[in-house]
Amino acid sequence: MGYRPPKGVRPPQLEGKRSGRPKGVRNHAKAWADVLWAYRHRDREDATPPSAGARLWHFFASIYPDEIESFLEDAGQL
């Protein structure tokens, strides 16, 4: 079996090279998808949310549609 460095230590062949996404960078596409789904379905009571986050945003969008619309416009999602 080859050399296994301790946890948190990079293997020597990767030293100085970037591999993968940099630390601290996240992808929020799923969260925005929930918000947009909720905004599009805000008038439907029988809509089945695809996730728990979408259910929460659907509740907010059905009560505060103007605020959610301005939030999405400010964020550049609409």
PDB file of N, CA and C in Angstrom:
ATOM      1  N   MET A   1       0.843  -1.174   0.000  1.00  0.00           N
ATOM      2  CA  MET A   1       0.000   0.000   0.000  1.00  0.00           C
ATOM      3  C   MET A   1       0.887   1.235   0.000  1.00  0.00           C
ATOM      4  N   GLY A   2       0.447   2.291  -0.708  1.00  0.00           N
ATOM      5  CA  GLY A   2       1.227   3.511  -0.826  1.00  0.00           C
ATOM      6  C   GLY A   2       1.224   4.348   0.444  1.00  0.00           C
ATOM      7  N   TYR A   3       1.937   5.415   0.379  1.00  0.00           N
ATOM      8  CA  TYR A   3       2.045   6.333   1.507  1.00  0.00           C
ATOM      9  C   TYR A   3       0.723   7.064   1.720  1.00  0.00           C
ATOM     10  N   ARG A   4       0.239   7.065   2.951  1.00  0.00           N
ATOM     11  CA  ARG A   4      -0.972   7.806   3.306  1.00  0.00           C
ATOM     12  C   ARG A   4      -0.591   8.876   4.315  1.00  0.00           C
ATOM     13  N   PRO A   5      -0.693  10.150   3.923  1.00  0.00           N
ATOM     14  CA  PRO A   5      -0.342  11.209   4.861  1.00  0.00           C
ATOM     15  C   PRO A   5      -1.387  11.305   5.971  1.00  0.00           C
ATOM     16  N   PRO A   6      -1.036  11.914   7.083  1.00  0.00           N
ATOM     17  CA  PRO A   6      -2.014  12.102   8.158  1.00  0.00           C
ATOM     18  C   PRO A   6      -3.182  12.975   7.694  1.00  0.00           C
ATOM     19  N   LYS A   7      -4.268  12.893   8.414  1.00  0.00           N
ATOM     20  CA  LYS A   7      -5.454  13.654   8.043  1.00  0.00           C
ATOM     21  C   LYS A   7      -5.141  15.154   8.058  1.00  0.00           C
ATOM     22  N   GLY A   8      -5.573  15.854   7.002  1.00  0.00           N
ATOM     23  CA  GLY A   8      -5.339  17.284   6.908  1.00  0.00           C
ATOM     24  C   GLY A   8      -4.039  17.653   6.218  1.00  0.00           C
ATOM     25  N   VAL A   9      -3.184  16.669   5.919  1.00  0.00           N
ATOM     26  CA  VAL A   9      -1.910  16.923   5.244  1.00  0.00           C
ATOM     27  C   VAL A   9      -2.057  16.451   3.803  1.00  0.00           C
ATOM     28  N   ARG A  10      -1.666  17.306   2.861  1.00  0.00           N
ATOM     29  CA  ARG A  10      -1.775  16.943   1.450  1.00  0.00           C
ATOM     30  C   ARG A  10      -0.685  15.961   1.050  1.00  0.00           C
ATOM     31  N   PRO A  11      -0.991  15.050   0.146  1.00  0.00           N
ATOM     32  CA  PRO A  11       0.036  14.157  -0.375  1.00  0.00           C
ATOM     33  C   PRO A  11       1.107  14.960  -1.122  1.00  0.00           C
ATOM     34  N   PRO A  12       2.344  14.484  -1.121  1.00  0.00           N
ATOM     35  CA  PRO A  12       3.422  15.251  -1.747  1.00  0.00           C
ATOM     36  C   PRO A  12       3.191  15.545  -3.231  1.00  0.00           C
ATOM     37  N   GLN A  13       2.555  14.637  -3.978  1.00  0.00           N
ATOM     38  CA  GLN A  13       2.366  14.871  -5.402  1.00  0.00           C
ATOM     39  C   GLN A  13       1.355  15.984  -5.672  1.00  0.00           C
ATOM     40  N   LEU A  14       0.542  16.354  -4.690  1.00  0.00           N
ATOM     41  CA  LEU A  14      -0.431  17.428  -4.875  1.00  0.00           C
ATOM     42  C   LEU A  14       0.031  18.756  -4.289  1.00  0.00           C
ATOM     43  N   GLU A  15       1.173  18.770  -3.671  1.00  0.00           N
ATOM     44  CA  GLU A  15       1.658  19.991  -3.040  1.00  0.00           C
ATOM     45  C   GLU A  15       1.848  21.096  -4.078  1.00  0.00           C
ATOM     46  N   GLY A  16       1.251  22.243  -3.812  1.00  0.00           N
ATOM     47  CA  GLY A  16       1.367  23.376  -4.712  1.00  0.00           C
ATOM     48  C   GLY A  16       0.365  23.379  -5.848  1.00  0.00           C
ATOM     49  N   LYS A  17      -0.494  22.380  -5.925  1.00  0.00           N
ATOM     50  CA  LYS A  17      -1.502  22.309  -6.975  1.00  0.00           C
ATOM     51  C   LYS A  17      -2.885  22.441  -6.352  1.00  0.00           C
ATOM     52  N   ARG A  18      -3.758  23.091  -7.078  1.00  0.00           N
ATOM     53  CA  ARG A  18      -5.137  23.204  -6.611  1.00  0.00           C
ATOM     54  C   ARG A  18      -5.918  21.986  -7.081  1.00  0.00           C
ATOM     55  N   SER A  19      -6.663  21.407  -6.194  1.00  0.00           N
ATOM     56  CA  SER A  19      -7.527  20.294  -6.595  1.00  0.00           C
ATOM     57  C   SER A  19      -8.911  20.540  -6.010  1.00  0.00           C
ATOM     58  N   GLY A  20      -9.893  20.601  -6.869  1.00  0.00           N
ATOM     59  CA  GLY A  20     -11.252  20.798  -6.400  1.00  0.00           C
ATOM     60  C   GLY A  20     -11.583  22.253  -6.145  1.00  0.00           C
ATOM     61  N   ARG A  21     -12.688  22.446  -5.485  1.00  0.00           N
ATOM     62  CA  ARG A  21     -13.190  23.776  -5.196  1.00  0.00           C
ATOM     63  C   ARG A  21     -12.423  24.389  -4.036  1.00  0.00           C
ATOM     64  N   PRO A  22     -12.118  25.692  -4.082  1.00  0.00           N
ATOM     65  CA  PRO A  22     -11.409  26.337  -2.977  1.00  0.00           C
ATOM     66  C   PRO A  22     -12.237  26.317  -1.694  1.00  0.00           C
ATOM     67  N   LYS A  23     -11.587  26.357  -0.559  1.00  0.00           N
ATOM     68  CA  LYS A  23     -12.281  26.366   0.718  1.00  0.00           C
ATOM     69  C   LYS A  23     -13.148  27.609   0.839  1.00  0.00           C
ATOM     70  N   GLY A  24     -14.325  27.435   1.405  1.00  0.00           N
ATOM     71  CA  GLY A  24     -15.213  28.559   1.632  1.00  0.00           C
ATOM     72  C   GLY A  24     -16.154  28.875   0.490  1.00  0.00           C
ATOM     73  N   VAL A  25     -16.002  28.219  -0.652  1.00  0.00           N
ATOM     74  CA  VAL A  25     -16.868  28.478  -1.796  1.00  0.00           C
ATOM     75  C   VAL A  25     -18.017  27.483  -1.745  1.00  0.00           C
ATOM     76  N   ARG A  26     -19.220  28.023  -1.862  1.00  0.00           N
ATOM     77  CA  ARG A  26     -20.386  27.149  -1.815  1.00  0.00           C
ATOM     78  C   ARG A  26     -21.261  27.398  -3.026  1.00  0.00           C
ATOM     79  N   ASN A  27     -22.087  26.426  -3.333  1.00  0.00           N
ATOM     80  CA  ASN A  27     -23.029  26.532  -4.435  1.00  0.00           C
ATOM     81  C   ASN A  27     -24.432  26.625  -3.839  1.00  0.00           C
ATOM     82  N   HIS A  28     -25.112  27.736  -4.074  1.00  0.00           N
ATOM     83  CA  HIS A  28     -26.432  27.960  -3.488  1.00  0.00           C
ATOM     84  C   HIS A  28     -27.552  27.741  -4.499  1.00  0.00           C
ATOM     85  N   ALA A  29     -27.292  27.001  -5.558  1.00  0.00           N
ATOM     86  CA  ALA A  29     -28.288  26.806  -6.607  1.00  0.00           C
ATOM     87  C   ALA A  29     -29.542  26.105  -6.088  1.00  0.00           C
ATOM     88  N   LYS A  30     -29.396  25.143  -5.198  1.00  0.00           N
ATOM     89  CA  LYS A  30     -30.563  24.436  -4.671  1.00  0.00           C
ATOM     90  C   LYS A  30     -31.439  25.353  -3.836  1.00  0.00           C
ATOM     91  N   ALA A  31     -30.824  26.222  -3.064  1.00  0.00           N
ATOM     92  CA  ALA A  31     -31.599  27.160  -2.244  1.00  0.00           C
ATOM     93  C   ALA A  31     -32.363  28.141  -3.121  1.00  0.00           C
ATOM     94  N   TRP A  32     -31.711  28.665  -4.167  1.00  0.00           N
ATOM     95  CA  TRP A  32     -32.406  29.587  -5.066  1.00  0.00           C
ATOM     96  C   TRP A  32     -33.522  28.863  -5.814  1.00  0.00           C
ATOM     97  N   ALA A  33     -33.313  27.599  -6.151  1.00  0.00           N
ATOM     98  CA  ALA A  33     -34.357  26.834  -6.838  1.00  0.00           C
ATOM     99  C   ALA A  33     -35.596  26.706  -5.946  1.00  0.00           C
ATOM    100  N   ASP A  34     -35.402  26.521  -4.644  1.00  0.00           N
ATOM    101  CA  ASP A  34     -36.525  26.446  -3.709  1.00  0.00           C
ATOM    102  C   ASP A  34     -37.290  27.760  -3.659  1.00  0.00           C
ATOM    103  N   VAL A  35     -36.563  28.871  -3.598  1.00  0.00           N
ATOM    104  CA  VAL A  35     -37.207  30.190  -3.521  1.00  0.00           C
ATOM    105  C   VAL A  35     -37.998  30.465  -4.795  1.00  0.00           C
ATOM    106  N   LEU A  36     -37.394  30.176  -5.943  1.00  0.00           N
ATOM    107  CA  LEU A  36     -38.078  30.426  -7.214  1.00  0.00           C
ATOM    108  C   LEU A  36     -39.291  29.525  -7.383  1.00  0.00           C
ATOM    109  N   TRP A  37     -39.181  28.259  -6.968  1.00  0.00           N
ATOM    110  CA  TRP A  37     -40.330  27.357  -7.040  1.00  0.00           C
ATOM    111  C   TRP A  37     -41.459  27.900  -6.183  1.00  0.00           C
ATOM    112  N   ALA A  38     -41.155  28.339  -4.980  1.00  0.00           N
ATOM    113  CA  ALA A  38     -42.185  28.847  -4.072  1.00  0.00           C
ATOM    114  C   ALA A  38     -42.839  30.103  -4.635  1.00  0.00           C
ATOM    115  N   TYR A  39     -42.048  30.969  -5.240  1.00  0.00           N
ATOM    116  CA  TYR A  39     -42.620  32.195  -5.806  1.00  0.00           C
ATOM    117  C   TYR A  39     -43.544  31.877  -6.981  1.00  0.00           C
ATOM    118  N   ARG A  40     -43.154  30.937  -7.821  1.00  0.00           N
ATOM    119  CA  ARG A  40     -43.987  30.580  -8.973  1.00  0.00           C
ATOM    120  C   ARG A  40     -45.289  29.884  -8.565  1.00  0.00           C
ATOM    121  N   HIS A  41     -45.267  29.167  -7.441  1.00  0.00           N
ATOM    122  CA  HIS A  41     -46.434  28.410  -6.991  1.00  0.00           C
ATOM    123  C   HIS A  41     -47.116  29.064  -5.791  1.00  0.00           C
ATOM    124  N   ARG A  42     -46.913  30.344  -5.570  1.00  0.00           N
ATOM    125  CA  ARG A  42     -47.431  31.021  -4.374  1.00  0.00           C
ATOM    126  C   ARG A  42     -48.955  31.053  -4.326  1.00  0.00           C
ATOM    127  N   ASP A  43     -49.621  31.012  -5.477  1.00  0.00           N
ATOM    128  CA  ASP A  43     -51.080  31.094  -5.509  1.00  0.00           C
ATOM    129  C   ASP A  43     -51.749  29.728  -5.380  1.00  0.00           C
ATOM    130  N   ARG A  44     -50.994  28.670  -5.503  1.00  0.00           N
ATOM    131  CA  ARG A  44     -51.570  27.316  -5.459  1.00  0.00           C
ATOM    132  C   ARG A  44     -51.489  26.748  -4.050  1.00  0.00           C
ATOM    133  N   GLU A  45     -52.626  26.414  -3.497  1.00  0.00           N
ATOM    134  CA  GLU A  45     -52.670  25.808  -2.163  1.00  0.00           C
ATOM    135  C   GLU A  45     -52.322  24.320  -2.209  1.00  0.00           C
ATOM    136  N   ASP A  46     -52.596  23.661  -3.349  1.00  0.00           N
ATOM    137  CA  ASP A  46     -52.394  22.216  -3.468  1.00  0.00           C
ATOM    138  C   ASP A  46     -51.003  21.847  -3.983  1.00  0.00           C
ATOM    139  N   ALA A  47     -50.106  22.831  -4.096  1.00  0.00           N
ATOM    140  CA  ALA A  47     -48.758  22.559  -4.605  1.00  0.00           C
ATOM    141  C   ALA A  47     -47.978  21.712  -3.609  1.00  0.00           C
ATOM    142  N   THR A  48     -47.253  20.727  -4.116  1.00  0.00           N
ATOM    143  CA  THR A  48     -46.436  19.860  -3.275  1.00  0.00           C
ATOM    144  C   THR A  48     -44.986  20.323  -3.376  1.00  0.00           C
ATOM    145  N   PRO A  49     -44.447  20.893  -2.294  1.00  0.00           N
ATOM    146  CA  PRO A  49     -43.066  21.394  -2.337  1.00  0.00           C
ATOM    147  C   PRO A  49     -42.063  20.268  -2.509  1.00  0.00           C
ATOM    148  N   PRO A  50     -40.991  20.504  -3.287  1.00  0.00           N
ATOM    149  CA  PRO A  50     -39.983  19.471  -3.502  1.00  0.00           C
ATOM    150  C   PRO A  50     -39.043  19.273  -2.314  1.00  0.00           C
ATOM    151  N   SER A  51     -39.015  20.228  -1.382  1.00  0.00           N
ATOM    152  CA  SER A  51     -38.131  20.108  -0.223  1.00  0.00           C
ATOM    153  C   SER A  51     -38.708  20.891   0.948  1.00  0.00           C
ATOM    154  N   ALA A  52     -38.092  20.728   2.108  1.00  0.00           N
ATOM    155  CA  ALA A  52     -38.543  21.447   3.301  1.00  0.00           C
ATOM    156  C   ALA A  52     -38.308  22.951   3.149  1.00  0.00           C
ATOM    157  N   GLY A  53     -37.213  23.326   2.514  1.00  0.00           N
ATOM    158  CA  GLY A  53     -36.938  24.737   2.284  1.00  0.00           C
ATOM    159  C   GLY A  53     -37.976  25.365   1.361  1.00  0.00           C
ATOM    160  N   ALA A  54     -38.371  24.633   0.343  1.00  0.00           N
ATOM    161  CA  ALA A  54     -39.395  25.121  -0.577  1.00  0.00           C
ATOM    162  C   ALA A  54     -40.729  25.283   0.143  1.00  0.00           C
ATOM    163  N   ARG A  55     -41.022  24.389   1.086  1.00  0.00           N
ATOM    164  CA  ARG A  55     -42.257  24.496   1.865  1.00  0.00           C
ATOM    165  C   ARG A  55     -42.260  25.785   2.686  1.00  0.00           C
ATOM    166  N   LEU A  56     -41.138  26.090   3.305  1.00  0.00           N
ATOM    167  CA  LEU A  56     -41.025  27.312   4.098  1.00  0.00           C
ATOM    168  C   LEU A  56     -41.151  28.560   3.224  1.00  0.00           C
ATOM    169  N   TRP A  57     -40.438  28.562   2.090  1.00  0.00           N
ATOM    170  CA  TRP A  57     -40.520  29.706   1.188  1.00  0.00           C
ATOM    171  C   TRP A  57     -41.917  29.841   0.588  1.00  0.00           C
ATOM    172  N   HIS A  58     -42.601  28.724   0.353  1.00  0.00           N
ATOM    173  CA  HIS A  58     -43.970  28.771  -0.173  1.00  0.00           C
ATOM    174  C   HIS A  58     -44.893  29.444   0.833  1.00  0.00           C
ATOM    175  N   PHE A  59     -44.699  29.147   2.092  1.00  0.00           N
ATOM    176  CA  PHE A  59     -45.485  29.787   3.144  1.00  0.00           C
ATOM    177  C   PHE A  59     -45.248  31.296   3.135  1.00  0.00           C
ATOM    178  N   PHE A  60     -43.986  31.715   3.083  1.00  0.00           N
ATOM    179  CA  PHE A  60     -43.662  33.139   3.054  1.00  0.00           C
ATOM    180  C   PHE A  60     -44.196  33.806   1.782  1.00  0.00           C
ATOM    181  N   ALA A  61     -44.038  33.147   0.645  1.00  0.00           N
ATOM    182  CA  ALA A  61     -44.460  33.735  -0.626  1.00  0.00           C
ATOM    183  C   ALA A  61     -45.975  33.868  -0.715  1.00  0.00           C
ATOM    184  N   SER A  62     -46.704  32.968  -0.067  1.00  0.00           N
ATOM    185  CA  SER A  62     -48.159  33.081  -0.104  1.00  0.00           C
ATOM    186  C   SER A  62     -48.661  34.206   0.794  1.00  0.00           C
ATOM    187  N   ILE A  63     -47.916  34.536   1.833  1.00  0.00           N
ATOM    188  CA  ILE A  63     -48.317  35.611   2.744  1.00  0.00           C
ATOM    189  C   ILE A  63     -47.749  36.960   2.315  1.00  0.00           C
ATOM    190  N   TYR A  64     -46.485  36.987   1.881  1.00  0.00           N
ATOM    191  CA  TYR A  64     -45.793  38.224   1.517  1.00  0.00           C
ATOM    192  C   TYR A  64     -45.287  38.173   0.071  1.00  0.00           C
ATOM    193  N   PRO A  65     -46.167  38.109  -0.924  1.00  0.00           N
ATOM    194  CA  PRO A  65     -45.695  37.961  -2.315  1.00  0.00           C
ATOM    195  C   PRO A  65     -44.903  39.166  -2.817  1.00  0.00           C
ATOM    196  N   ASP A  66     -45.280  40.378  -2.417  1.00  0.00           N
ATOM    197  CA  ASP A  66     -44.569  41.570  -2.897  1.00  0.00           C
ATOM    198  C   ASP A  66     -43.153  41.640  -2.343  1.00  0.00           C
ATOM    199  N   GLU A  67     -42.995  41.282  -1.075  1.00  0.00           N
ATOM    200  CA  GLU A  67     -41.674  41.303  -0.463  1.00  0.00           C
ATOM    201  C   GLU A  67     -40.749  40.255  -1.074  1.00  0.00           C
ATOM    202  N   ILE A  68     -41.285  39.070  -1.344  1.00  0.00           N
ATOM    203  CA  ILE A  68     -40.483  38.014  -1.962  1.00  0.00           C
ATOM    204  C   ILE A  68     -40.092  38.421  -3.381  1.00  0.00           C
ATOM    205  N   GLU A  69     -41.026  39.052  -4.107  1.00  0.00           N
ATOM    206  CA  GLU A  69     -40.714  39.507  -5.463  1.00  0.00           C
ATOM    207  C   GLU A  69     -39.595  40.552  -5.452  1.00  0.00           C
ATOM    208  N   SER A  70     -39.669  41.510  -4.538  1.00  0.00           N
ATOM    209  CA  SER A  70     -38.611  42.527  -4.472  1.00  0.00           C
ATOM    210  C   SER A  70     -37.285  41.913  -4.030  1.00  0.00           C
ATOM    211  N   PHE A  71     -37.335  40.915  -3.141  1.00  0.00           N
ATOM    212  CA  PHE A  71     -36.119  40.210  -2.712  1.00  0.00           C
ATOM    213  C   PHE A  71     -35.459  39.515  -3.897  1.00  0.00           C
ATOM    214  N   LEU A  72     -36.260  38.823  -4.713  1.00  0.00           N
ATOM    215  CA  LEU A  72     -35.729  38.116  -5.874  1.00  0.00           C
ATOM    216  C   LEU A  72     -35.200  39.081  -6.931  1.00  0.00           C
ATOM    217  N   GLU A  73     -35.879  40.200  -7.126  1.00  0.00           N
ATOM    218  CA  GLU A  73     -35.393  41.189  -8.085  1.00  0.00           C
ATOM    219  C   GLU A  73     -34.077  41.808  -7.626  1.00  0.00           C
ATOM    220  N   ASP A  74     -33.971  42.123  -6.331  1.00  0.00           N
ATOM    221  CA  ASP A  74     -32.723  42.685  -5.807  1.00  0.00           C
ATOM    222  C   ASP A  74     -31.563  41.707  -5.919  1.00  0.00           C
ATOM    223  N   ALA A  75     -31.865  40.419  -5.786  1.00  0.00           N
ATOM    224  CA  ALA A  75     -30.820  39.397  -5.861  1.00  0.00           C
ATOM    225  C   ALA A  75     -30.497  39.023  -7.314  1.00  0.00           C
ATOM    226  N   GLY A  76     -31.272  39.541  -8.262  1.00  0.00           N
ATOM    227  CA  GLY A  76     -31.026  39.251  -9.667  1.00  0.00           C
ATOM    228  C   GLY A  76     -31.524  37.888 -10.109  1.00  0.00           C
ATOM    229  N   GLN A  77     -32.482  37.334  -9.403  1.00  0.00           N
ATOM    230  CA  GLN A  77     -33.002  36.009  -9.743  1.00  0.00           C
ATOM    231  C   GLN A  77     -34.234  36.075 -10.627  1.00  0.00           C
ATOM    232  N   LEU A  78     -34.878  37.221 -10.718  1.00  0.00           N
ATOM    233  CA  LEU A  78     -36.052  37.369 -11.587  1.00  0.00           C
ATOM    234  C   LEU A  78     -35.692  38.153 -12.824  1.00  0.00           C
TER     235      LEU A  78
END
